[in-house]
Amino acid sequence: MKVLEINHIQKSFNDATLHVLKDISLSVDKGEVVSIIGPSGSGKSTLLRCATLLTEMDSGELIYLGEVAAKNNAEGKAVYSGKAELRKIRSIFGLVFQNFNPQVHVLGRTKQEAEERAMTLLKKMGLEDKAAAYPCELSGGQQQRVAIARALAMDPTILFFDEPTSALDPELTGEVLKVIKQLHEEKMTMVIVTHEMAFARAVSDRVIFMDGGVIVEQGEPEEVFGNPKTERTKQFLRNYQS
């Protein structure tokens, strides 16, 4: 079953002078983990923002579980579905960086149900003893694990991560990657934009290499990392390994 379908997305900024996404198409199946790698400025984060409705694309099609979030009109411009439909679609995915407590308002859970769910997830993250702590009392790795728990509290079908370890030192990075690996073992559908090549190789079912607003290469991790087909992919990975 396809959880996410992205067809021919294009996105420009600065009055169309900066063409960030150039005809990107991809799909994600249920239970699949897809990592997106590539140099800074390749369009990875913009793609993620378009996929999660944080940035409106110029043209293209965006579909979650068969529900159309956006499609092109007769002029070839992306037109988004109505508020009710988009609200339904937003409940399908989770983002790790959300600075609010959405359970009670969006899912209609009682306060007790929300608290029980929150404690279950904190325990899963190894943070049950931090339930009453303020954010400033948590390490960067703990804050990231709380962010993951917060996203999971919405019971999403698919989770998106945008550079989940970019601000963390190696030890704290390990804490967060361990949680993501655990979610992978539980068959959670995930799309991860990451600069952690070893992690992407270990945890992904498929790796997508982007550069210059296009998908240059994609395939199973061992194919992309072990036997890249394009010279651009080889060059990028060589720079990372040196």
C-alpha atoms as a PDB file:
ATOM      1  CA  MET A   1       0.000   0.000   0.000  1.00  0.00           C
ATOM      2  CA  LYS A   2       1.327   3.435  -0.934  1.00  0.00           C
ATOM      3  CA  VAL A   3       1.254   5.809   2.030  1.00  0.00           C
ATOM      4  CA  LEU A   4       2.698   8.766   0.122  1.00  0.00           C
ATOM      5  CA  GLU A   5       2.754   9.637  -3.578  1.00  0.00           C
ATOM      6  CA  ILE A   6       4.560  12.707  -4.893  1.00  0.00           C
ATOM      7  CA  ASN A   7       4.229  13.363  -8.609  1.00  0.00           C
ATOM      8  CA  HIS A   8       6.150  15.997 -10.589  1.00  0.00           C
ATOM      9  CA  ILE A   9       6.578  18.500  -7.745  1.00  0.00           C
ATOM     10  CA  GLN A  10       8.169  21.810  -8.679  1.00  0.00           C
ATOM     11  CA  LYS A  11       8.991  24.697  -6.352  1.00  0.00           C
ATOM     12  CA  SER A  12      10.720  28.017  -6.946  1.00  0.00           C
ATOM     13  CA  PHE A  13      11.513  30.967  -4.690  1.00  0.00           C
ATOM     14  CA  ASN A  14      12.494  34.617  -5.269  1.00  0.00           C
ATOM     15  CA  ASP A  15       9.884  35.237  -7.978  1.00  0.00           C
ATOM     16  CA  ALA A  16      10.724  31.957  -9.706  1.00  0.00           C
ATOM     17  CA  THR A  17      14.404  32.832 -10.107  1.00  0.00           C
ATOM     18  CA  LEU A  18      15.520  30.151  -7.636  1.00  0.00           C
ATOM     19  CA  HIS A  19      14.298  26.783  -8.915  1.00  0.00           C
ATOM     20  CA  VAL A  20      14.691  24.521  -5.860  1.00  0.00           C
ATOM     21  CA  LEU A  21      12.651  21.466  -6.876  1.00  0.00           C
ATOM     22  CA  LYS A  22      12.623  20.418 -10.524  1.00  0.00           C
ATOM     23  CA  ASP A  23      10.053  17.730 -11.324  1.00  0.00           C
ATOM     24  CA  ILE A  24      10.447  15.429  -8.292  1.00  0.00           C
ATOM     25  CA  SER A  25       8.439  12.198  -8.161  1.00  0.00           C
ATOM     26  CA  LEU A  26       8.596   9.478  -5.523  1.00  0.00           C
ATOM     27  CA  SER A  27       6.376   7.191  -3.476  1.00  0.00           C
ATOM     28  CA  VAL A  28       6.681   5.549  -0.060  1.00  0.00           C
ATOM     29  CA  ASP A  29       5.101   2.200   0.778  1.00  0.00           C
ATOM     30  CA  LYS A  30       3.687   1.249   4.157  1.00  0.00           C
ATOM     31  CA  GLY A  31       6.455   0.095   6.508  1.00  0.00           C
ATOM     32  CA  GLU A  32       9.198   1.471   4.265  1.00  0.00           C
ATOM     33  CA  VAL A  33      12.042   3.682   5.514  1.00  0.00           C
ATOM     34  CA  VAL A  34      13.329   6.120   2.904  1.00  0.00           C
ATOM     35  CA  SER A  35      16.393   8.257   3.581  1.00  0.00           C
ATOM     36  CA  ILE A  36      17.070  11.355   1.504  1.00  0.00           C
ATOM     37  CA  ILE A  37      20.702  12.418   1.251  1.00  0.00           C
ATOM     38  CA  GLY A  38      22.517  15.094  -0.700  1.00  0.00           C
ATOM     39  CA  PRO A  39      24.561  18.278  -0.367  1.00  0.00           C
ATOM     40  CA  SER A  40      23.276  21.470   1.242  1.00  0.00           C
ATOM     41  CA  GLY A  41      20.992  23.354  -1.115  1.00  0.00           C
ATOM     42  CA  SER A  42      19.970  20.246  -3.040  1.00  0.00           C
ATOM     43  CA  GLY A  43      16.279  20.702  -2.152  1.00  0.00           C
ATOM     44  CA  LYS A  44      15.945  17.953   0.471  1.00  0.00           C
ATOM     45  CA  SER A  45      14.343  20.089   3.181  1.00  0.00           C
ATOM     46  CA  THR A  46      12.115  21.940   0.709  1.00  0.00           C
ATOM     47  CA  LEU A  47      10.847  18.585  -0.552  1.00  0.00           C
ATOM     48  CA  LEU A  48      10.040  17.566   3.020  1.00  0.00           C
ATOM     49  CA  ARG A  49       8.283  20.888   3.671  1.00  0.00           C
ATOM     50  CA  CYS A  50       6.180  20.484   0.520  1.00  0.00           C
ATOM     51  CA  ALA A  51       5.316  16.895   1.487  1.00  0.00           C
ATOM     52  CA  THR A  52       4.145  18.006   4.949  1.00  0.00           C
ATOM     53  CA  LEU A  53       2.118  21.006   3.713  1.00  0.00           C
ATOM     54  CA  LEU A  54       4.429  23.543   5.366  1.00  0.00           C
ATOM     55  CA  THR A  55       5.394  24.986   1.978  1.00  0.00           C
ATOM     56  CA  GLU A  56       3.062  25.205  -1.005  1.00  0.00           C
ATOM     57  CA  MET A  57       4.469  23.728  -4.173  1.00  0.00           C
ATOM     58  CA  ASP A  58       4.094  25.525  -7.506  1.00  0.00           C
ATOM     59  CA  SER A  59       2.956  22.453  -9.401  1.00  0.00           C
ATOM     60  CA  GLY A  60       2.611  18.733  -8.890  1.00  0.00           C
ATOM     61  CA  GLU A  61       0.490  16.173  -7.109  1.00  0.00           C
ATOM     62  CA  LEU A  62       0.550  15.155  -3.449  1.00  0.00           C
ATOM     63  CA  ILE A  63      -1.430  12.116  -2.272  1.00  0.00           C
ATOM     64  CA  TYR A  64      -1.652  10.383   1.130  1.00  0.00           C
ATOM     65  CA  LEU A  65      -3.319   6.956   1.337  1.00  0.00           C
ATOM     66  CA  GLY A  66      -5.240   7.772  -1.828  1.00  0.00           C
ATOM     67  CA  GLU A  67      -6.436  11.147  -0.486  1.00  0.00           C
ATOM     68  CA  VAL A  68      -5.438  14.022  -2.776  1.00  0.00           C
ATOM     69  CA  ALA A  69      -3.834  16.944  -0.927  1.00  0.00           C
ATOM     70  CA  ALA A  70      -2.955  18.856  -4.099  1.00  0.00           C
ATOM     71  CA  LYS A  71      -3.132  18.425  -7.851  1.00  0.00           C
ATOM     72  CA  ASN A  72      -2.612  20.584 -10.925  1.00  0.00           C
ATOM     73  CA  ASN A  73      -5.354  22.696 -12.458  1.00  0.00           C
ATOM     74  CA  ALA A  74      -5.805  23.276 -16.191  1.00  0.00           C
ATOM     75  CA  GLU A  75      -2.998  25.854 -16.122  1.00  0.00           C
ATOM     76  CA  GLY A  76      -0.585  23.373 -14.567  1.00  0.00           C
ATOM     77  CA  LYS A  77      -0.543  25.079 -11.143  1.00  0.00           C
ATOM     78  CA  ALA A  78      -0.942  23.159  -7.894  1.00  0.00           C
ATOM     79  CA  VAL A  79      -4.377  23.560  -6.284  1.00  0.00           C
ATOM     80  CA  TYR A  80      -4.848  22.325  -2.719  1.00  0.00           C
ATOM     81  CA  SER A  81      -7.870  20.512  -1.305  1.00  0.00           C
ATOM     82  CA  GLY A  82     -10.231  22.180   1.162  1.00  0.00           C
ATOM     83  CA  LYS A  83      -9.518  22.750   4.851  1.00  0.00           C
ATOM     84  CA  ALA A  84     -11.470  19.706   6.061  1.00  0.00           C
ATOM     85  CA  GLU A  85      -9.676  17.397   3.632  1.00  0.00           C
ATOM     86  CA  LEU A  86      -6.257  18.816   4.509  1.00  0.00           C
ATOM     87  CA  ARG A  87      -6.998  18.469   8.229  1.00  0.00           C
ATOM     88  CA  LYS A  88      -7.729  14.773   7.636  1.00  0.00           C
ATOM     89  CA  ILE A  89      -4.530  14.389   5.607  1.00  0.00           C
ATOM     90  CA  ARG A  90      -2.421  16.127   8.270  1.00  0.00           C
ATOM     91  CA  SER A  91      -3.511  13.447  10.765  1.00  0.00           C
ATOM     92  CA  ILE A  92      -1.826  10.828   8.551  1.00  0.00           C
ATOM     93  CA  PHE A  93       1.725  12.134   9.035  1.00  0.00           C
ATOM     94  CA  GLY A  94       3.878  13.221  11.955  1.00  0.00           C
ATOM     95  CA  LEU A  95       6.706  15.722  12.080  1.00  0.00           C
ATOM     96  CA  VAL A  96       9.376  15.477  14.725  1.00  0.00           C
ATOM     97  CA  PHE A  97       9.611  19.239  15.237  1.00  0.00           C
ATOM     98  CA  GLN A  98       6.234  20.313  16.598  1.00  0.00           C
ATOM     99  CA  ASN A  99       6.174  22.686  19.541  1.00  0.00           C
ATOM    100  CA  PHE A 100       2.700  22.043  20.832  1.00  0.00           C
ATOM    101  CA  ASN A 101       0.689  19.348  22.556  1.00  0.00           C
ATOM    102  CA  PRO A 102      -1.853  18.255  19.948  1.00  0.00           C
ATOM    103  CA  GLN A 103      -3.443  15.118  21.363  1.00  0.00           C
ATOM    104  CA  VAL A 104      -6.440  16.509  23.231  1.00  0.00           C
ATOM    105  CA  HIS A 105      -7.412  19.061  20.580  1.00  0.00           C
ATOM    106  CA  VAL A 106      -6.889  17.026  17.425  1.00  0.00           C
ATOM    107  CA  LEU A 107      -7.577  13.422  18.430  1.00  0.00           C
ATOM    108  CA  GLY A 108     -10.301  14.225  20.937  1.00  0.00           C
ATOM    109  CA  ARG A 109      -8.695  12.166  23.701  1.00  0.00           C
ATOM    110  CA  THR A 110      -9.590  12.793  27.315  1.00  0.00           C
ATOM    111  CA  LYS A 111      -6.859  14.320  29.431  1.00  0.00           C
ATOM    112  CA  GLN A 112      -6.315  10.967  31.163  1.00  0.00           C
ATOM    113  CA  GLU A 113      -6.073   9.095  27.837  1.00  0.00           C
ATOM    114  CA  ALA A 114      -3.607  11.663  26.524  1.00  0.00           C
ATOM    115  CA  GLU A 115      -1.480  11.448  29.670  1.00  0.00           C
ATOM    116  CA  GLU A 116      -1.471   7.631  29.572  1.00  0.00           C
ATOM    117  CA  ARG A 117      -0.439   7.667  25.915  1.00  0.00           C
ATOM    118  CA  ALA A 118       2.261  10.249  26.649  1.00  0.00           C
ATOM    119  CA  MET A 119       3.684   8.176  29.515  1.00  0.00           C
ATOM    120  CA  THR A 120       3.702   5.035  27.349  1.00  0.00           C
ATOM    121  CA  LEU A 121       5.682   6.874  24.679  1.00  0.00           C
ATOM    122  CA  LEU A 122       8.082   8.479  27.168  1.00  0.00           C
ATOM    123  CA  LYS A 123       8.766   5.004  28.578  1.00  0.00           C
ATOM    124  CA  LYS A 124       9.416   3.764  25.034  1.00  0.00           C
ATOM    125  CA  MET A 125      11.958   6.586  24.640  1.00  0.00           C
ATOM    126  CA  GLY A 126      13.567   5.791  28.018  1.00  0.00           C
ATOM    127  CA  LEU A 127      12.370   9.100  29.476  1.00  0.00           C
ATOM    128  CA  GLU A 128       9.634   8.130  31.922  1.00  0.00           C
ATOM    129  CA  ASP A 129      11.596   9.714  34.773  1.00  0.00           C
ATOM    130  CA  LYS A 130      11.637  13.040  32.871  1.00  0.00           C
ATOM    131  CA  ALA A 131       7.858  13.445  32.531  1.00  0.00           C
ATOM    132  CA  ALA A 132       7.765  16.487  34.835  1.00  0.00           C
ATOM    133  CA  ALA A 133      10.975  18.056  33.554  1.00  0.00           C
ATOM    134  CA  TYR A 134      11.134  21.386  31.737  1.00  0.00           C
ATOM    135  CA  PRO A 135      12.751  21.424  28.268  1.00  0.00           C
ATOM    136  CA  CYS A 136      15.714  23.397  29.633  1.00  0.00           C
ATOM    137  CA  GLU A 137      16.414  20.515  32.024  1.00  0.00           C
ATOM    138  CA  LEU A 138      16.791  18.016  29.172  1.00  0.00           C
ATOM    139  CA  SER A 139      19.846  17.328  27.036  1.00  0.00           C
ATOM    140  CA  GLY A 140      19.648  17.868  23.276  1.00  0.00           C
ATOM    141  CA  GLY A 141      19.249  14.130  22.726  1.00  0.00           C
ATOM    142  CA  GLN A 142      16.475  13.931  25.314  1.00  0.00           C
ATOM    143  CA  GLN A 143      14.690  16.884  23.724  1.00  0.00           C
ATOM    144  CA  GLN A 144      14.831  15.149  20.364  1.00  0.00           C
ATOM    145  CA  ARG A 145      13.426  11.950  21.844  1.00  0.00           C
ATOM    146  CA  VAL A 146      10.594  13.967  23.410  1.00  0.00           C
ATOM    147  CA  ALA A 147       9.957  15.506  19.980  1.00  0.00           C
ATOM    148  CA  ILE A 148       9.705  12.001  18.487  1.00  0.00           C
ATOM    149  CA  ALA A 149       7.325  10.931  21.282  1.00  0.00           C
ATOM    150  CA  ARG A 150       5.224  14.037  20.644  1.00  0.00           C
ATOM    151  CA  ALA A 151       4.936  13.195  16.951  1.00  0.00           C
ATOM    152  CA  LEU A 152       4.086   9.549  17.742  1.00  0.00           C
ATOM    153  CA  ALA A 153       1.353  10.683  20.150  1.00  0.00           C
ATOM    154  CA  MET A 154      -0.717  11.581  17.098  1.00  0.00           C
ATOM    155  CA  ASP A 155      -0.623   7.934  15.913  1.00  0.00           C
ATOM    156  CA  PRO A 156       0.607   8.898  12.437  1.00  0.00           C
ATOM    157  CA  THR A 157       0.874   6.434   9.554  1.00  0.00           C
ATOM    158  CA  ILE A 158       4.132   8.033   8.398  1.00  0.00           C
ATOM    159  CA  LEU A 159       6.821  10.018  10.250  1.00  0.00           C
ATOM    160  CA  PHE A 160       9.048  12.682   8.706  1.00  0.00           C
ATOM    161  CA  PHE A 161      12.454  13.654  10.094  1.00  0.00           C
ATOM    162  CA  ASP A 162      14.455  16.636   8.854  1.00  0.00           C
ATOM    163  CA  GLU A 163      18.090  16.269   9.958  1.00  0.00           C
ATOM    164  CA  PRO A 164      17.105  14.871  13.377  1.00  0.00           C
ATOM    165  CA  THR A 165      20.698  14.827  14.661  1.00  0.00           C
ATOM    166  CA  SER A 166      22.183  17.934  13.039  1.00  0.00           C
ATOM    167  CA  ALA A 167      22.663  19.879  16.296  1.00  0.00           C
ATOM    168  CA  LEU A 168      23.786  16.961  18.462  1.00  0.00           C
ATOM    169  CA  ASP A 169      27.189  15.652  19.459  1.00  0.00           C
ATOM    170  CA  PRO A 170      28.047  12.024  18.559  1.00  0.00           C
ATOM    171  CA  GLU A 171      26.893  10.529  21.874  1.00  0.00           C
ATOM    172  CA  LEU A 172      23.502  12.265  21.760  1.00  0.00           C
ATOM    173  CA  THR A 173      23.205  11.449  18.070  1.00  0.00           C
ATOM    174  CA  GLY A 174      23.507   7.790  19.012  1.00  0.00           C
ATOM    175  CA  GLU A 175      20.573   8.110  21.441  1.00  0.00           C
ATOM    176  CA  VAL A 176      18.276   9.489  18.751  1.00  0.00           C
ATOM    177  CA  LEU A 177      19.392   7.073  16.045  1.00  0.00           C
ATOM    178  CA  LYS A 178      18.744   4.162  18.401  1.00  0.00           C
ATOM    179  CA  VAL A 179      15.113   5.288  18.773  1.00  0.00           C
ATOM    180  CA  ILE A 180      14.681   5.622  15.003  1.00  0.00           C
ATOM    181  CA  LYS A 181      16.170   2.144  14.499  1.00  0.00           C
ATOM    182  CA  GLN A 182      13.686   0.793  17.040  1.00  0.00           C
ATOM    183  CA  LEU A 183      10.810   2.398  15.114  1.00  0.00           C
ATOM    184  CA  HIS A 184      12.178   0.813  11.930  1.00  0.00           C
ATOM    185  CA  GLU A 185      12.117  -2.605  13.578  1.00  0.00           C
ATOM    186  CA  GLU A 186       8.469  -1.938  14.468  1.00  0.00           C
ATOM    187  CA  LYS A 187       7.739  -1.271  10.759  1.00  0.00           C
ATOM    188  CA  MET A 188       7.017   2.433  11.182  1.00  0.00           C
ATOM    189  CA  THR A 189       6.875   4.181   7.801  1.00  0.00           C
ATOM    190  CA  MET A 190       9.496   6.956   7.789  1.00  0.00           C
ATOM    191  CA  VAL A 191      11.084   9.528   5.512  1.00  0.00           C
ATOM    192  CA  ILE A 192      14.387  10.814   6.896  1.00  0.00           C
ATOM    193  CA  VAL A 193      16.433  13.694   5.538  1.00  0.00           C
ATOM    194  CA  THR A 194      19.864  13.046   7.019  1.00  0.00           C
ATOM    195  CA  HIS A 195      23.573  13.769   6.698  1.00  0.00           C
ATOM    196  CA  GLU A 196      24.414  10.607   8.689  1.00  0.00           C
ATOM    197  CA  MET A 197      25.552   8.316   5.878  1.00  0.00           C
ATOM    198  CA  ALA A 198      26.312   5.278   8.051  1.00  0.00           C
ATOM    199  CA  PHE A 199      22.895   5.585   9.675  1.00  0.00           C
ATOM    200  CA  ALA A 200      21.111   5.956   6.318  1.00  0.00           C
ATOM    201  CA  ARG A 201      22.914   2.868   5.067  1.00  0.00           C
ATOM    202  CA  ALA A 202      21.997   0.833   8.167  1.00  0.00           C
ATOM    203  CA  VAL A 203      18.353   1.772   8.667  1.00  0.00           C
ATOM    204  CA  SER A 204      16.910   2.494   5.197  1.00  0.00           C
ATOM    205  CA  ASP A 205      15.024   0.279   2.797  1.00  0.00           C
ATOM    206  CA  ARG A 206      15.712   2.840   0.068  1.00  0.00           C
ATOM    207  CA  VAL A 207      18.091   5.778  -0.264  1.00  0.00           C
ATOM    208  CA  ILE A 208      17.415   8.787  -2.482  1.00  0.00           C
ATOM    209  CA  PHE A 209      20.320  11.030  -3.485  1.00  0.00           C
ATOM    210  CA  MET A 210      19.271  14.556  -4.460  1.00  0.00           C
ATOM    211  CA  ASP A 211      21.312  17.329  -6.007  1.00  0.00           C
ATOM    212  CA  GLY A 212      20.335  20.513  -7.808  1.00  0.00           C
ATOM    213  CA  GLY A 213      16.632  19.997  -7.170  1.00  0.00           C
ATOM    214  CA  VAL A 214      16.406  16.584  -8.844  1.00  0.00           C
ATOM    215  CA  ILE A 215      16.685  12.948  -7.798  1.00  0.00           C
ATOM    216  CA  VAL A 216      20.054  11.888  -9.181  1.00  0.00           C
ATOM    217  CA  GLU A 217      19.943   8.285  -8.004  1.00  0.00           C
ATOM    218  CA  GLN A 218      17.914   5.990  -5.773  1.00  0.00           C
ATOM    219  CA  GLY A 219      17.979   2.373  -4.746  1.00  0.00           C
ATOM    220  CA  GLU A 220      18.684  -0.022  -1.916  1.00  0.00           C
ATOM    221  CA  PRO A 221      21.344   1.265   0.498  1.00  0.00           C
ATOM    222  CA  GLU A 222      23.967  -1.253  -0.575  1.00  0.00           C
ATOM    223  CA  GLU A 223      23.468  -0.261  -4.203  1.00  0.00           C
ATOM    224  CA  VAL A 224      23.675   3.491  -3.637  1.00  0.00           C
ATOM    225  CA  PHE A 225      26.523   3.395  -1.116  1.00  0.00           C
ATOM    226  CA  GLY A 226      28.349   0.308  -2.328  1.00  0.00           C
ATOM    227  CA  ASN A 227      27.974   0.660  -6.080  1.00  0.00           C
ATOM    228  CA  PRO A 228      26.718   4.152  -7.040  1.00  0.00           C
ATOM    229  CA  LYS A 229      25.784   4.425 -10.702  1.00  0.00           C
ATOM    230  CA  THR A 230      26.303   8.136 -11.357  1.00  0.00           C
ATOM    231  CA  GLU A 231      29.508  10.119 -11.159  1.00  0.00           C
ATOM    232  CA  ARG A 232      27.775  12.796  -9.075  1.00  0.00           C
ATOM    233  CA  THR A 233      26.767  10.246  -6.423  1.00  0.00           C
ATOM    234  CA  LYS A 234      30.292   8.827  -6.358  1.00  0.00           C
ATOM    235  CA  GLN A 235      31.742  12.315  -5.906  1.00  0.00           C
ATOM    236  CA  PHE A 236      29.338  13.183  -3.074  1.00  0.00           C
ATOM    237  CA  LEU A 237      30.005   9.967  -1.171  1.00  0.00           C
ATOM    238  CA  ARG A 238      33.747  10.302  -1.703  1.00  0.00           C
ATOM    239  CA  ASN A 239      33.632  13.766  -0.081  1.00  0.00           C
ATOM    240  CA  TYR A 240      31.703  12.378   2.849  1.00  0.00           C
ATOM    241  CA  GLN A 241      34.091   9.505   3.408  1.00  0.00           C
ATOM    242  CA  SER A 242      37.255  11.591   3.133  1.00  0.00           C
END
